[in-house]
């Protein structure tokens, strides 16, 4: 079960364009985003540990996102 609700994913898709969204599409987006969030979090934690910190901060998240996109 994903952490992101189907209704929230429906709203996100509809922000991009005023289209009808199937429940299966909303659930799939939820699963994909959860996978991405976990991967991003793991990378951010590596960066946090590298700077000898215990708290993940905004710059860790942004740097991890840049690394994953590259």
C-alpha atoms as a PDB file:
ATOM      1  CA  UNK A   1       0.000   0.000   0.000  1.00  0.00           C
ATOM      2  CA  UNK A   2       1.407   3.346  -1.023  1.00  0.00           C
ATOM      3  CA  UNK A   3       1.790   6.350   1.239  1.00  0.00           C
ATOM      4  CA  UNK A   4       0.198   8.655  -1.347  1.00  0.00           C
ATOM      5  CA  UNK A   5      -3.580   8.529  -1.731  1.00  0.00           C
ATOM      6  CA  UNK A   6      -5.251   7.941  -5.085  1.00  0.00           C
ATOM      7  CA  UNK A   7      -7.265  11.149  -4.707  1.00  0.00           C
ATOM      8  CA  UNK A   8      -4.091  13.196  -4.193  1.00  0.00           C
ATOM      9  CA  UNK A   9      -2.523  11.621  -7.287  1.00  0.00           C
ATOM     10  CA  UNK A  10      -5.720  12.355  -9.223  1.00  0.00           C
ATOM     11  CA  UNK A  11      -5.418  16.024  -8.211  1.00  0.00           C
ATOM     12  CA  UNK A  12      -1.751  16.136  -9.257  1.00  0.00           C
ATOM     13  CA  UNK A  13      -2.499  14.747 -12.693  1.00  0.00           C
ATOM     14  CA  UNK A  14      -5.411  17.144 -13.107  1.00  0.00           C
ATOM     15  CA  UNK A  15      -3.121  20.078 -12.226  1.00  0.00           C
ATOM     16  CA  UNK A  16      -1.094  19.235 -15.321  1.00  0.00           C
ATOM     17  CA  UNK A  17      -4.183  19.122 -17.540  1.00  0.00           C
ATOM     18  CA  UNK A  18      -7.920  18.993 -17.072  1.00  0.00           C
ATOM     19  CA  UNK A  19      -8.355  15.333 -17.967  1.00  0.00           C
ATOM     20  CA  UNK A  20     -10.208  12.371 -16.568  1.00  0.00           C
ATOM     21  CA  UNK A  21      -7.979  10.087 -14.506  1.00  0.00           C
ATOM     22  CA  UNK A  22      -8.574   6.394 -13.934  1.00  0.00           C
ATOM     23  CA  UNK A  23      -8.083   4.988 -10.459  1.00  0.00           C
ATOM     24  CA  UNK A  24      -5.425   2.616 -11.808  1.00  0.00           C
ATOM     25  CA  UNK A  25      -3.467   5.561 -13.270  1.00  0.00           C
ATOM     26  CA  UNK A  26      -3.639   7.418  -9.956  1.00  0.00           C
ATOM     27  CA  UNK A  27      -2.487   4.312  -8.062  1.00  0.00           C
ATOM     28  CA  UNK A  28       0.372   3.728 -10.517  1.00  0.00           C
ATOM     29  CA  UNK A  29       1.572   7.321 -10.122  1.00  0.00           C
ATOM     30  CA  UNK A  30       1.439   6.805  -6.371  1.00  0.00           C
ATOM     31  CA  UNK A  31       3.624   3.689  -6.613  1.00  0.00           C
ATOM     32  CA  UNK A  32       6.125   5.368  -8.940  1.00  0.00           C
ATOM     33  CA  UNK A  33       6.404   8.437  -6.710  1.00  0.00           C
ATOM     34  CA  UNK A  34       6.897   6.279  -3.645  1.00  0.00           C
ATOM     35  CA  UNK A  35       9.758   4.393  -5.345  1.00  0.00           C
ATOM     36  CA  UNK A  36      11.348   7.708  -6.354  1.00  0.00           C
ATOM     37  CA  UNK A  37      10.922   9.137  -2.845  1.00  0.00           C
ATOM     38  CA  UNK A  38      12.627   6.116  -1.288  1.00  0.00           C
ATOM     39  CA  UNK A  39      15.533   6.291  -3.753  1.00  0.00           C
ATOM     40  CA  UNK A  40      15.861  10.037  -3.157  1.00  0.00           C
ATOM     41  CA  UNK A  41      15.782   9.562   0.607  1.00  0.00           C
ATOM     42  CA  UNK A  42      18.521   6.921   0.515  1.00  0.00           C
ATOM     43  CA  UNK A  43      20.747   9.228  -1.529  1.00  0.00           C
ATOM     44  CA  UNK A  44      20.030  12.161   0.815  1.00  0.00           C
ATOM     45  CA  UNK A  45      20.940  10.009   3.821  1.00  0.00           C
ATOM     46  CA  UNK A  46      24.277   9.133   2.199  1.00  0.00           C
ATOM     47  CA  UNK A  47      24.983  12.840   1.746  1.00  0.00           C
ATOM     48  CA  UNK A  48      23.966  13.556   5.339  1.00  0.00           C
ATOM     49  CA  UNK A  49      26.341  10.898   6.644  1.00  0.00           C
ATOM     50  CA  UNK A  50      29.110  12.162   4.357  1.00  0.00           C
ATOM     51  CA  UNK A  51      28.946  15.572   6.045  1.00  0.00           C
ATOM     52  CA  UNK A  52      28.922  13.848   9.472  1.00  0.00           C
ATOM     53  CA  UNK A  53      25.442  15.064  10.333  1.00  0.00           C
ATOM     54  CA  UNK A  54      22.496  13.248  11.859  1.00  0.00           C
ATOM     55  CA  UNK A  55      19.691  15.319  10.355  1.00  0.00           C
ATOM     56  CA  UNK A  56      18.719  15.274   6.685  1.00  0.00           C
ATOM     57  CA  UNK A  57      18.184  18.850   5.568  1.00  0.00           C
ATOM     58  CA  UNK A  58      16.848  20.650   2.508  1.00  0.00           C
ATOM     59  CA  UNK A  59      20.256  20.877   0.837  1.00  0.00           C
ATOM     60  CA  UNK A  60      20.701  17.098   1.166  1.00  0.00           C
ATOM     61  CA  UNK A  61      17.366  16.518  -0.567  1.00  0.00           C
ATOM     62  CA  UNK A  62      18.161  19.005  -3.341  1.00  0.00           C
ATOM     63  CA  UNK A  63      21.636  17.546  -3.903  1.00  0.00           C
ATOM     64  CA  UNK A  64      20.253  14.015  -3.933  1.00  0.00           C
ATOM     65  CA  UNK A  65      17.608  15.035  -6.489  1.00  0.00           C
ATOM     66  CA  UNK A  66      20.321  16.538  -8.695  1.00  0.00           C
ATOM     67  CA  UNK A  67      22.378  13.343  -8.481  1.00  0.00           C
ATOM     68  CA  UNK A  68      19.426  11.109  -9.307  1.00  0.00           C
ATOM     69  CA  UNK A  69      18.401  13.247 -12.301  1.00  0.00           C
ATOM     70  CA  UNK A  70      21.925  13.278 -13.727  1.00  0.00           C
END
